[in-house]
């Protein structure tokens, strides 16, 4: 089980990075699969917030579009 968000630092579809919260054992798999839709949405929102912070660092490092005029887009996750 995983909850994923694709991050696009510009309006284009490239480049992009992916953040994923993934279960790595049966206990965490059971925990993630037992979440309600609202709980999965809350985790998605947390991944979006983390994604914005990560993209800010990448932009500051010169690895993406400049912050001025660039828009962060989040793809559909699971």
Protein backbone atom coordinates (compact mmCIF):
# COMPACT_ATOMS: atom_id res chain seq x y z
CA UNK A 1 0.00 0.00 0.00
CA UNK A 2 1.26 3.46 -0.79
CA UNK A 3 0.04 7.03 -0.94
CA UNK A 4 1.82 8.97 -3.68
CA UNK A 5 2.04 12.53 -4.91
CA UNK A 6 3.80 13.57 -8.12
CA UNK A 7 5.34 17.03 -7.90
CA UNK A 8 5.77 19.27 -10.93
CA UNK A 9 7.87 22.39 -10.27
CA UNK A 10 6.54 24.13 -13.42
CA UNK A 11 3.40 24.04 -15.50
CA UNK A 12 5.10 21.46 -17.72
CA UNK A 13 5.00 17.75 -17.06
CA UNK A 14 8.78 17.54 -16.86
CA UNK A 15 10.76 17.54 -14.70
CA UNK A 16 8.93 15.92 -11.86
CA UNK A 17 9.60 14.04 -8.65
CA UNK A 18 7.42 11.72 -6.61
CA UNK A 19 6.84 11.51 -2.87
CA UNK A 20 5.51 8.21 -1.59
CA UNK A 21 4.47 6.97 1.81
CA UNK A 22 4.79 3.20 1.43
CA UNK A 23 4.27 0.29 3.77
CA UNK A 24 7.33 -1.92 4.16
CA UNK A 25 6.00 -4.61 6.45
CA UNK A 26 2.66 -6.24 7.23
CA UNK A 27 1.96 -4.03 10.25
CA UNK A 28 2.40 -0.78 8.34
CA UNK A 29 0.51 -2.25 5.37
CA UNK A 30 -2.42 -3.03 7.67
CA UNK A 31 -2.21 0.47 9.14
CA UNK A 32 -2.29 2.19 5.74
CA UNK A 33 -4.99 -0.02 4.26
CA UNK A 34 -7.14 0.51 7.34
CA UNK A 35 -7.22 4.29 6.90
CA UNK A 36 -10.49 5.94 6.02
CA UNK A 37 -10.77 8.05 2.89
CA UNK A 38 -10.60 11.20 5.01
CA UNK A 39 -7.43 9.96 6.71
CA UNK A 40 -5.83 9.17 3.34
CA UNK A 41 -6.77 12.68 2.20
CA UNK A 42 -5.08 14.16 5.27
CA UNK A 43 -1.90 12.20 4.50
CA UNK A 44 -2.12 13.45 0.91
CA UNK A 45 -2.35 17.03 2.18
CA UNK A 46 0.73 16.44 4.37
CA UNK A 47 2.62 15.06 1.35
CA UNK A 48 1.56 18.13 -0.66
CA UNK A 49 2.90 20.45 2.06
CA UNK A 50 6.16 18.49 2.21
CA UNK A 51 6.35 18.60 -1.57
CA UNK A 52 6.05 22.39 -1.62
CA UNK A 53 8.89 22.66 0.90
CA UNK A 54 11.08 20.24 -1.08
CA UNK A 55 10.44 22.05 -4.35
CA UNK A 56 11.41 25.34 -2.68
CA UNK A 57 14.77 23.79 -1.73
CA UNK A 58 15.27 22.42 -5.25
CA UNK A 59 14.48 25.79 -6.79
CA UNK A 60 16.90 27.54 -4.41
CA UNK A 61 19.58 25.04 -5.42
CA UNK A 62 18.99 25.82 -9.09
CA UNK A 63 17.44 22.44 -9.82
CA UNK A 64 14.11 23.75 -11.02
CA UNK A 65 12.26 26.76 -12.29
CA UNK A 66 12.68 30.03 -10.50
CA UNK A 67 10.19 30.64 -7.75
CA UNK A 68 8.96 33.79 -9.50
CA UNK A 69 6.18 32.86 -11.84
CA UNK A 70 6.52 29.12 -11.31
CA UNK A 71 3.55 27.21 -10.06
CA UNK A 72 3.66 23.95 -8.15
CA UNK A 73 1.32 21.28 -9.44
CA UNK A 74 0.47 18.07 -7.68
CA UNK A 75 -0.61 15.07 -9.70
CA UNK A 76 -3.16 12.55 -8.63
CA UNK A 77 -1.91 10.08 -6.08
CA UNK A 78 -3.21 6.77 -4.92
